[in-house]
Amino acid sequence: MHVAALIEKINVYIATKESPLKIEKITIKDILQIIREEFSPRLVVRQIKWLEPEAMVEIKADKLSILRVFRNFVDNALKYGGEDLSEIRIGYKETEE
């Protein structure tokens, strides 16, 4: 389902040269679950621990864009983290803004 949505968004971008954002309330926990499942085989093979916050943090964002950001972060960690990479830790910090 996510791949189809991403393909649709790319097609819209190509057709209009701009990609409309769909801002909605999403929980980071849901996003991280999707990303963790995508990268799970690589994490298991390399014996890399996945650490994420327990809290159900909710944000307003474009879901596909946030998925792309986290996918890029994790992919880069795996590509450039080297042989000593033993964990991927995801966290957040609340601010008053």
PDB file of N, CA and C in Angstrom:
ATOM      1  N   MET A   1       0.813  -1.192   0.000  1.00  0.00           N
ATOM      2  CA  MET A   1       0.000   0.000   0.000  1.00  0.00           C
ATOM      3  C   MET A   1       0.857   1.257   0.000  1.00  0.00           C
ATOM      4  N   HIS A   2       1.926   1.268   0.772  1.00  0.00           N
ATOM      5  CA  HIS A   2       2.778   2.441   0.841  1.00  0.00           C
ATOM      6  C   HIS A   2       3.510   2.667  -0.475  1.00  0.00           C
ATOM      7  N   VAL A   3       3.915   1.592  -1.127  1.00  0.00           N
ATOM      8  CA  VAL A   3       4.596   1.716  -2.413  1.00  0.00           C
ATOM      9  C   VAL A   3       3.649   2.313  -3.447  1.00  0.00           C
ATOM     10  N   ALA A   4       2.417   1.845  -3.454  1.00  0.00           N
ATOM     11  CA  ALA A   4       1.432   2.375  -4.401  1.00  0.00           C
ATOM     12  C   ALA A   4       1.187   3.855  -4.154  1.00  0.00           C
ATOM     13  N   ALA A   5       1.109   4.241  -2.888  1.00  0.00           N
ATOM     14  CA  ALA A   5       0.891   5.655  -2.562  1.00  0.00           C
ATOM     15  C   ALA A   5       2.088   6.492  -2.988  1.00  0.00           C
ATOM     16  N   LEU A   6       3.282   5.971  -2.790  1.00  0.00           N
ATOM     17  CA  LEU A   6       4.486   6.686  -3.201  1.00  0.00           C
ATOM     18  C   LEU A   6       4.546   6.822  -4.719  1.00  0.00           C
ATOM     19  N   ILE A   7       4.206   5.769  -5.433  1.00  0.00           N
ATOM     20  CA  ILE A   7       4.179   5.822  -6.898  1.00  0.00           C
ATOM     21  C   ILE A   7       3.166   6.856  -7.369  1.00  0.00           C
ATOM     22  N   GLU A   8       2.009   6.873  -6.730  1.00  0.00           N
ATOM     23  CA  GLU A   8       0.981   7.858  -7.081  1.00  0.00           C
ATOM     24  C   GLU A   8       1.490   9.275  -6.853  1.00  0.00           C
ATOM     25  N   LYS A   9       2.174   9.478  -5.733  1.00  0.00           N
ATOM     26  CA  LYS A   9       2.707  10.810  -5.432  1.00  0.00           C
ATOM     27  C   LYS A   9       3.763  11.217  -6.464  1.00  0.00           C
ATOM     28  N   ILE A  10       4.592  10.285  -6.877  1.00  0.00           N
ATOM     29  CA  ILE A  10       5.594  10.569  -7.909  1.00  0.00           C
ATOM     30  C   ILE A  10       4.915  10.915  -9.226  1.00  0.00           C
ATOM     31  N   ASN A  11       3.882  10.165  -9.581  1.00  0.00           N
ATOM     32  CA  ASN A  11       3.144  10.456 -10.817  1.00  0.00           C
ATOM     33  C   ASN A  11       2.507  11.836 -10.778  1.00  0.00           C
ATOM     34  N   VAL A  12       1.957  12.208  -9.621  1.00  0.00           N
ATOM     35  CA  VAL A  12       1.375  13.550  -9.472  1.00  0.00           C
ATOM     36  C   VAL A  12       2.458  14.601  -9.634  1.00  0.00           C
ATOM     37  N   TYR A  13       3.609  14.368  -9.021  1.00  0.00           N
ATOM     38  CA  TYR A  13       4.714  15.321  -9.127  1.00  0.00           C
ATOM     39  C   TYR A  13       5.156  15.493 -10.580  1.00  0.00           C
ATOM     40  N   ILE A  14       5.309  14.391 -11.270  1.00  0.00           N
ATOM     41  CA  ILE A  14       5.726  14.450 -12.672  1.00  0.00           C
ATOM     42  C   ILE A  14       4.697  15.202 -13.501  1.00  0.00           C
ATOM     43  N   ALA A  15       3.426  14.945 -13.240  1.00  0.00           N
ATOM     44  CA  ALA A  15       2.359  15.584 -14.014  1.00  0.00           C
ATOM     45  C   ALA A  15       2.250  17.075 -13.726  1.00  0.00           C
ATOM     46  N   THR A  16       2.446  17.475 -12.484  1.00  0.00           N
ATOM     47  CA  THR A  16       2.216  18.877 -12.123  1.00  0.00           C
ATOM     48  C   THR A  16       3.481  19.635 -11.765  1.00  0.00           C
ATOM     49  N   LYS A  17       4.591  18.939 -11.656  1.00  0.00           N
ATOM     50  CA  LYS A  17       5.876  19.509 -11.254  1.00  0.00           C
ATOM     51  C   LYS A  17       5.856  20.047  -9.830  1.00  0.00           C
ATOM     52  N   GLU A  18       4.861  19.694  -9.087  1.00  0.00           N
ATOM     53  CA  GLU A  18       4.848  20.002  -7.664  1.00  0.00           C
ATOM     54  C   GLU A  18       4.115  18.879  -6.950  1.00  0.00           C
ATOM     55  N   SER A  19       4.547  18.620  -5.762  1.00  0.00           N
ATOM     56  CA  SER A  19       3.951  17.531  -5.003  1.00  0.00           C
ATOM     57  C   SER A  19       3.138  18.108  -3.848  1.00  0.00           C
ATOM     58  N   PRO A  20       1.826  18.013  -3.921  1.00  0.00           N
ATOM     59  CA  PRO A  20       1.008  18.549  -2.830  1.00  0.00           C
ATOM     60  C   PRO A  20       1.196  17.714  -1.561  1.00  0.00           C
ATOM     61  N   LEU A  21       1.356  18.408  -0.457  1.00  0.00           N
ATOM     62  CA  LEU A  21       1.509  17.720   0.818  1.00  0.00           C
ATOM     63  C   LEU A  21       0.144  17.434   1.413  1.00  0.00           C
ATOM     64  N   LYS A  22       0.022  16.285   2.022  1.00  0.00           N
ATOM     65  CA  LYS A  22      -1.209  15.927   2.719  1.00  0.00           C
ATOM     66  C   LYS A  22      -0.882  15.924   4.211  1.00  0.00           C
ATOM     67  N   ILE A  23      -1.091  17.059   4.852  1.00  0.00           N
ATOM     68  CA  ILE A  23      -0.774  17.197   6.266  1.00  0.00           C
ATOM     69  C   ILE A  23      -1.875  16.534   7.088  1.00  0.00           C
ATOM     70  N   GLU A  24      -1.461  15.624   7.958  1.00  0.00           N
ATOM     71  CA  GLU A  24      -2.406  14.891   8.793  1.00  0.00           C
ATOM     72  C   GLU A  24      -1.734  14.549  10.118  1.00  0.00           C
ATOM     73  N   LYS A  25      -2.536  14.177  11.105  1.00  0.00           N
ATOM     74  CA  LYS A  25      -1.987  13.729  12.382  1.00  0.00           C
ATOM     75  C   LYS A  25      -1.508  12.292  12.222  1.00  0.00           C
ATOM     76  N   ILE A  26      -0.255  12.074  12.587  1.00  0.00           N
ATOM     77  CA  ILE A  26       0.321  10.733  12.525  1.00  0.00           C
ATOM     78  C   ILE A  26       1.127  10.488  13.798  1.00  0.00           C
ATOM     79  N   THR A  27       1.237   9.236  14.187  1.00  0.00           N
ATOM     80  CA  THR A  27       2.085   8.912  15.333  1.00  0.00           C
ATOM     81  C   THR A  27       3.430   8.409  14.819  1.00  0.00           C
ATOM     82  N   ILE A  28       4.468   8.896  15.449  1.00  0.00           N
ATOM     83  CA  ILE A  28       5.814   8.477  15.066  1.00  0.00           C
ATOM     84  C   ILE A  28       5.973   6.971  15.264  1.00  0.00           C
ATOM     85  N   LYS A  29       5.317   6.425  16.274  1.00  0.00           N
ATOM     86  CA  LYS A  29       5.386   4.977  16.535  1.00  0.00           C
ATOM     87  C   LYS A  29       4.934   4.183  15.302  1.00  0.00           C
ATOM     88  N   ASP A  30       3.854   4.635  14.649  1.00  0.00           N
ATOM     89  CA  ASP A  30       3.369   3.953  13.440  1.00  0.00           C
ATOM     90  C   ASP A  30       4.389   4.045  12.307  1.00  0.00           C
ATOM     91  N   ILE A  31       4.985   5.213  12.157  1.00  0.00           N
ATOM     92  CA  ILE A  31       5.997   5.407  11.114  1.00  0.00           C
ATOM     93  C   ILE A  31       7.194   4.498  11.377  1.00  0.00           C
ATOM     94  N   LEU A  32       7.651   4.480  12.625  1.00  0.00           N
ATOM     95  CA  LEU A  32       8.816   3.661  12.968  1.00  0.00           C
ATOM     96  C   LEU A  32       8.544   2.175  12.805  1.00  0.00           C
ATOM     97  N   GLN A  33       7.324   1.749  13.047  1.00  0.00           N
ATOM     98  CA  GLN A  33       6.977   0.336  12.846  1.00  0.00           C
ATOM     99  C   GLN A  33       7.125  -0.040  11.371  1.00  0.00           C
ATOM    100  N   ILE A  34       6.657   0.819  10.492  1.00  0.00           N
ATOM    101  CA  ILE A  34       6.775   0.567   9.051  1.00  0.00           C
ATOM    102  C   ILE A  34       8.246   0.479   8.653  1.00  0.00           C
ATOM    103  N   ILE A  35       9.038   1.442   9.118  1.00  0.00           N
ATOM    104  CA  ILE A  35      10.462   1.482   8.768  1.00  0.00           C
ATOM    105  C   ILE A  35      11.190   0.270   9.351  1.00  0.00           C
ATOM    106  N   ARG A  36      10.903  -0.052  10.614  1.00  0.00           N
ATOM    107  CA  ARG A  36      11.551  -1.201  11.259  1.00  0.00           C
ATOM    108  C   ARG A  36      11.259  -2.487  10.489  1.00  0.00           C
ATOM    109  N   GLU A  37      10.008  -2.666  10.058  1.00  0.00           N
ATOM    110  CA  GLU A  37       9.648  -3.864   9.296  1.00  0.00           C
ATOM    111  C   GLU A  37      10.381  -3.909   7.956  1.00  0.00           C
ATOM    112  N   GLU A  38      10.515  -2.764   7.298  1.00  0.00           N
ATOM    113  CA  GLU A  38      11.222  -2.721   6.009  1.00  0.00           C
ATOM    114  C   GLU A  38      12.687  -3.116   6.157  1.00  0.00           C
ATOM    115  N   PHE A  39      13.321  -2.648   7.233  1.00  0.00           N
ATOM    116  CA  PHE A  39      14.752  -2.872   7.402  1.00  0.00           C
ATOM    117  C   PHE A  39      15.083  -4.079   8.277  1.00  0.00           C
ATOM    118  N   SER A  40      14.077  -4.748   8.800  1.00  0.00           N
ATOM    119  CA  SER A  40      14.283  -5.857   9.734  1.00  0.00           C
ATOM    120  C   SER A  40      15.254  -6.922   9.222  1.00  0.00           C
ATOM    121  N   PRO A  41      15.124  -7.386   7.981  1.00  0.00           N
ATOM    122  CA  PRO A  41      16.071  -8.417   7.514  1.00  0.00           C
ATOM    123  C   PRO A  41      17.530  -7.958   7.592  1.00  0.00           C
ATOM    124  N   ARG A  42      17.794  -6.721   7.216  1.00  0.00           N
ATOM    125  CA  ARG A  42      19.167  -6.208   7.256  1.00  0.00           C
ATOM    126  C   ARG A  42      19.650  -6.032   8.696  1.00  0.00           C
ATOM    127  N   LEU A  43      18.744  -5.611   9.579  1.00  0.00           N
ATOM    128  CA  LEU A  43      19.109  -5.437  10.987  1.00  0.00           C
ATOM    129  C   LEU A  43      19.449  -6.786  11.621  1.00  0.00           C
ATOM    130  N   VAL A  44      18.660  -7.803  11.312  1.00  0.00           N
ATOM    131  CA  VAL A  44      18.883  -9.138  11.875  1.00  0.00           C
ATOM    132  C   VAL A  44      20.208  -9.711  11.383  1.00  0.00           C
ATOM    133  N   VAL A  45      20.455  -9.631  10.093  1.00  0.00           N
ATOM    134  CA  VAL A  45      21.686 -10.184   9.520  1.00  0.00           C
ATOM    135  C   VAL A  45      22.918  -9.535  10.148  1.00  0.00           C
ATOM    136  N   ARG A  46      22.852  -8.219  10.352  1.00  0.00           N
ATOM    137  CA  ARG A  46      24.006  -7.499  10.908  1.00  0.00           C
ATOM    138  C   ARG A  46      23.972  -7.420  12.436  1.00  0.00           C
ATOM    139  N   GLN A  47      22.954  -8.014  13.049  1.00  0.00           N
ATOM    140  CA  GLN A  47      22.788  -8.027  14.507  1.00  0.00           C
ATOM    141  C   GLN A  47      22.796  -6.614  15.087  1.00  0.00           C
ATOM    142  N   ILE A  48      22.002  -5.751  14.483  1.00  0.00           N
ATOM    143  CA  ILE A  48      21.893  -4.360  14.920  1.00  0.00           C
ATOM    144  C   ILE A  48      20.607  -4.202  15.724  1.00  0.00           C
ATOM    145  N   LYS A  49      20.741  -3.642  16.931  1.00  0.00           N
ATOM    146  CA  LYS A  49      19.578  -3.403  17.786  1.00  0.00           C
ATOM    147  C   LYS A  49      18.835  -2.160  17.309  1.00  0.00           C
ATOM    148  N   TRP A  50      17.520  -2.219  17.405  1.00  0.00           N
ATOM    149  CA  TRP A  50      16.640  -1.104  17.037  1.00  0.00           C
ATOM    150  C   TRP A  50      16.058  -0.547  18.328  1.00  0.00           C
ATOM    151  N   LEU A  51      16.310   0.721  18.621  1.00  0.00           N
ATOM    152  CA  LEU A  51      15.806   1.355  19.836  1.00  0.00           C
ATOM    153  C   LEU A  51      14.966   2.563  19.457  1.00  0.00           C
ATOM    154  N   GLU A  52      13.769   2.615  20.014  1.00  0.00           N
ATOM    155  CA  GLU A  52      12.865   3.729  19.719  1.00  0.00           C
ATOM    156  C   GLU A  52      12.112   4.115  20.982  1.00  0.00           C
ATOM    157  N   PRO A  53      11.567   5.325  21.027  1.00  0.00           N
ATOM    158  CA  PRO A  53      10.830   5.755  22.220  1.00  0.00           C
ATOM    159  C   PRO A  53       9.544   4.959  22.404  1.00  0.00           C
ATOM    160  N   GLU A  54       9.150   4.797  23.655  1.00  0.00           N
ATOM    161  CA  GLU A  54       7.906   4.098  23.971  1.00  0.00           C
ATOM    162  C   GLU A  54       6.689   4.993  23.764  1.00  0.00           C
ATOM    163  N   ALA A  55       6.876   6.287  23.911  1.00  0.00           N
ATOM    164  CA  ALA A  55       5.754   7.235  23.858  1.00  0.00           C
ATOM    165  C   ALA A  55       5.103   7.257  22.479  1.00  0.00           C
ATOM    166  N   MET A  56       3.812   7.504  22.475  1.00  0.00           N
ATOM    167  CA  MET A  56       3.046   7.609  21.231  1.00  0.00           C
ATOM    168  C   MET A  56       2.994   9.084  20.809  1.00  0.00           C
ATOM    169  N   VAL A  57       4.112   9.604  20.364  1.00  0.00           N
ATOM    170  CA  VAL A  57       4.201  11.002  19.967  1.00  0.00           C
ATOM    171  C   VAL A  57       3.400  11.210  18.687  1.00  0.00           C
ATOM    172  N   GLU A  58       2.548  12.220  18.701  1.00  0.00           N
ATOM    173  CA  GLU A  58       1.726  12.536  17.533  1.00  0.00           C
ATOM    174  C   GLU A  58       2.202  13.859  16.938  1.00  0.00           C
ATOM    175  N   ILE A  59       2.342  13.873  15.621  1.00  0.00           N
ATOM    176  CA  ILE A  59       2.745  15.092  14.923  1.00  0.00           C
ATOM    177  C   ILE A  59       1.799  15.333  13.754  1.00  0.00           C
ATOM    178  N   LYS A  60       1.862  16.544  13.220  1.00  0.00           N
ATOM    179  CA  LYS A  60       1.138  16.862  11.994  1.00  0.00           C
ATOM    180  C   LYS A  60       2.178  16.954  10.886  1.00  0.00           C
ATOM    181  N   ALA A  61       2.027  16.096   9.887  1.00  0.00           N
ATOM    182  CA  ALA A  61       3.008  16.039   8.805  1.00  0.00           C
ATOM    183  C   ALA A  61       2.428  15.278   7.627  1.00  0.00           C
ATOM    184  N   ASP A  62       3.144  15.334   6.516  1.00  0.00           N
ATOM    185  CA  ASP A  62       2.819  14.524   5.350  1.00  0.00           C
ATOM    186  C   ASP A  62       3.424  13.138   5.589  1.00  0.00           C
ATOM    187  N   LYS A  63       2.595  12.126   5.685  1.00  0.00           N
ATOM    188  CA  LYS A  63       3.040  10.782   6.053  1.00  0.00           C
ATOM    189  C   LYS A  63       4.100  10.233   5.098  1.00  0.00           C
ATOM    190  N   LEU A  64       3.889  10.376   3.807  1.00  0.00           N
ATOM    191  CA  LEU A  64       4.861   9.837   2.846  1.00  0.00           C
ATOM    192  C   LEU A  64       6.206  10.542   2.957  1.00  0.00           C
ATOM    193  N   SER A  65       6.173  11.846   3.214  1.00  0.00           N
ATOM    194  CA  SER A  65       7.427  12.590   3.366  1.00  0.00           C
ATOM    195  C   SER A  65       8.180  12.154   4.615  1.00  0.00           C
ATOM    196  N   ILE A  66       7.464  11.980   5.726  1.00  0.00           N
ATOM    197  CA  ILE A  66       8.105  11.535   6.966  1.00  0.00           C
ATOM    198  C   ILE A  66       8.650  10.114   6.806  1.00  0.00           C
ATOM    199  N   LEU A  67       7.908   9.257   6.136  1.00  0.00           N
ATOM    200  CA  LEU A  67       8.413   7.907   5.852  1.00  0.00           C
ATOM    201  C   LEU A  67       9.709   7.980   5.054  1.00  0.00           C
ATOM    202  N   ARG A  68       9.735   8.838   4.062  1.00  0.00           N
ATOM    203  CA  ARG A  68      10.922   8.989   3.218  1.00  0.00           C
ATOM    204  C   ARG A  68      12.113   9.486   4.052  1.00  0.00           C
ATOM    205  N   VAL A  69      11.878  10.429   4.960  1.00  0.00           N
ATOM    206  CA  VAL A  69      12.945  10.964   5.809  1.00  0.00           C
ATOM    207  C   VAL A  69      13.530   9.865   6.696  1.00  0.00           C
ATOM    208  N   PHE A  70      12.662   9.139   7.415  1.00  0.00           N
ATOM    209  CA  PHE A  70      13.156   8.085   8.297  1.00  0.00           C
ATOM    210  C   PHE A  70      13.806   6.951   7.510  1.00  0.00           C
ATOM    211  N   ARG A  71      13.254   6.612   6.368  1.00  0.00           N
ATOM    212  CA  ARG A  71      13.842   5.569   5.518  1.00  0.00           C
ATOM    213  C   ARG A  71      15.262   5.981   5.113  1.00  0.00           C
ATOM    214  N   ASN A  72      15.428   7.246   4.756  1.00  0.00           N
ATOM    215  CA  ASN A  72      16.733   7.759   4.359  1.00  0.00           C
ATOM    216  C   ASN A  72      17.713   7.735   5.533  1.00  0.00           C
ATOM    217  N   PHE A  73      17.256   8.146   6.739  1.00  0.00           N
ATOM    218  CA  PHE A  73      18.117   8.112   7.924  1.00  0.00           C
ATOM    219  C   PHE A  73      18.623   6.698   8.194  1.00  0.00           C
ATOM    220  N   VAL A  74      17.719   5.740   8.208  1.00  0.00           N
ATOM    221  CA  VAL A  74      18.092   4.360   8.537  1.00  0.00           C
ATOM    222  C   VAL A  74      18.968   3.765   7.440  1.00  0.00           C
ATOM    223  N   ASP A  75      18.619   4.009   6.191  1.00  0.00           N
ATOM    224  CA  ASP A  75      19.417   3.500   5.080  1.00  0.00           C
ATOM    225  C   ASP A  75      20.839   4.054   5.148  1.00  0.00           C
ATOM    226  N   ASN A  76      20.974   5.350   5.426  1.00  0.00           N
ATOM    227  CA  ASN A  76      22.304   5.955   5.539  1.00  0.00           C
ATOM    228  C   ASN A  76      23.078   5.385   6.723  1.00  0.00           C
ATOM    229  N   ALA A  77      22.398   5.152   7.840  1.00  0.00           N
ATOM    230  CA  ALA A  77      23.072   4.553   8.998  1.00  0.00           C
ATOM    231  C   ALA A  77      23.630   3.182   8.633  1.00  0.00           C
ATOM    232  N   LEU A  78      22.842   2.391   7.917  1.00  0.00           N
ATOM    233  CA  LEU A  78      23.291   1.057   7.522  1.00  0.00           C
ATOM    234  C   LEU A  78      24.410   1.115   6.484  1.00  0.00           C
ATOM    235  N   LYS A  79      24.324   2.056   5.556  1.00  0.00           N
ATOM    236  CA  LYS A  79      25.345   2.172   4.509  1.00  0.00           C
ATOM    237  C   LYS A  79      26.662   2.713   5.047  1.00  0.00           C
ATOM    238  N   TYR A  80      26.588   3.726   5.911  1.00  0.00           N
ATOM    239  CA  TYR A  80      27.786   4.460   6.297  1.00  0.00           C
ATOM    240  C   TYR A  80      28.174   4.274   7.764  1.00  0.00           C
ATOM    241  N   GLY A  81      27.441   3.442   8.494  1.00  0.00           N
ATOM    242  CA  GLY A  81      27.728   3.227   9.913  1.00  0.00           C
ATOM    243  C   GLY A  81      28.932   2.340  10.176  1.00  0.00           C
ATOM    244  N   GLY A  82      29.379   1.668   9.158  1.00  0.00           N
ATOM    245  CA  GLY A  82      30.559   0.823   9.300  1.00  0.00           C
ATOM    246  C   GLY A  82      30.263  -0.517   9.955  1.00  0.00           C
ATOM    247  N   GLU A  83      31.312  -1.303  10.089  1.00  0.00           N
ATOM    248  CA  GLU A  83      31.202  -2.653  10.653  1.00  0.00           C
ATOM    249  C   GLU A  83      30.867  -2.639  12.143  1.00  0.00           C
ATOM    250  N   ASP A  84      31.213  -1.555  12.841  1.00  0.00           N
ATOM    251  CA  ASP A  84      30.997  -1.486  14.287  1.00  0.00           C
ATOM    252  C   ASP A  84      29.601  -1.004  14.667  1.00  0.00           C
ATOM    253  N   LEU A  85      28.763  -0.724  13.695  1.00  0.00           N
ATOM    254  CA  LEU A  85      27.401  -0.276  13.995  1.00  0.00           C
ATOM    255  C   LEU A  85      26.665  -1.388  14.740  1.00  0.00           C
ATOM    256  N   SER A  86      26.227  -1.093  15.970  1.00  0.00           N
ATOM    257  CA  SER A  86      25.578  -2.133  16.776  1.00  0.00           C
ATOM    258  C   SER A  86      24.139  -1.791  17.132  1.00  0.00           C
ATOM    259  N   GLU A  87      23.760  -0.513  16.978  1.00  0.00           N
ATOM    260  CA  GLU A  87      22.381  -0.139  17.264  1.00  0.00           C
ATOM    261  C   GLU A  87      21.985   1.097  16.478  1.00  0.00           C
ATOM    262  N   ILE A  88      20.698   1.174  16.211  1.00  0.00           N
ATOM    263  CA  ILE A  88      20.105   2.378  15.640  1.00  0.00           C
ATOM    264  C   ILE A  88      19.114   2.865  16.683  1.00  0.00           C
ATOM    265  N   ARG A  89      19.382   4.061  17.201  1.00  0.00           N
ATOM    266  CA  ARG A  89      18.565   4.630  18.275  1.00  0.00           C
ATOM    267  C   ARG A  89      17.835   5.858  17.735  1.00  0.00           C
ATOM    268  N   ILE A  90      16.523   5.842  17.886  1.00  0.00           N
ATOM    269  CA  ILE A  90      15.697   6.951  17.428  1.00  0.00           C
ATOM    270  C   ILE A  90      15.054   7.585  18.650  1.00  0.00           C
ATOM    271  N   GLY A  91      15.142   8.897  18.734  1.00  0.00           N
ATOM    272  CA  GLY A  91      14.575   9.598  19.878  1.00  0.00           C
ATOM    273  C   GLY A  91      14.012  10.942  19.449  1.00  0.00           C
ATOM    274  N   TYR A  92      13.546  11.678  20.424  1.00  0.00           N
ATOM    275  CA  TYR A  92      13.003  13.000  20.148  1.00  0.00           C
ATOM    276  C   TYR A  92      13.168  13.868  21.381  1.00  0.00           C
ATOM    277  N   LYS A  93      13.042  15.158  21.183  1.00  0.00           N
ATOM    278  CA  LYS A  93      13.121  16.111  22.275  1.00  0.00           C
ATOM    279  C   LYS A  93      11.974  17.093  22.117  1.00  0.00           C
ATOM    280  N   GLU A  94      11.189  17.244  23.157  1.00  0.00           N
ATOM    281  CA  GLU A  94      10.078  18.191  23.113  1.00  0.00           C
ATOM    282  C   GLU A  94      10.598  19.596  23.380  1.00  0.00           C
ATOM    283  N   THR A  95      10.062  20.548  22.629  1.00  0.00           N
ATOM    284  CA  THR A  95      10.385  21.949  22.856  1.00  0.00           C
ATOM    285  C   THR A  95       9.087  22.708  23.083  1.00  0.00           C
ATOM    286  N   GLU A  96       9.204  23.944  23.486  1.00  0.00           N
ATOM    287  CA  GLU A  96       8.011  24.741  23.769  1.00  0.00           C
ATOM    288  C   GLU A  96       7.418  25.369  22.521  1.00  0.00           C
ATOM    289  N   GLU A  97       8.068  25.226  21.408  1.00  0.00           N
ATOM    290  CA  GLU A  97       7.599  25.846  20.160  1.00  0.00           C
ATOM    291  C   GLU A  97       6.415  25.137  19.586  1.00  0.00           C
TER     292      GLU A  97
END
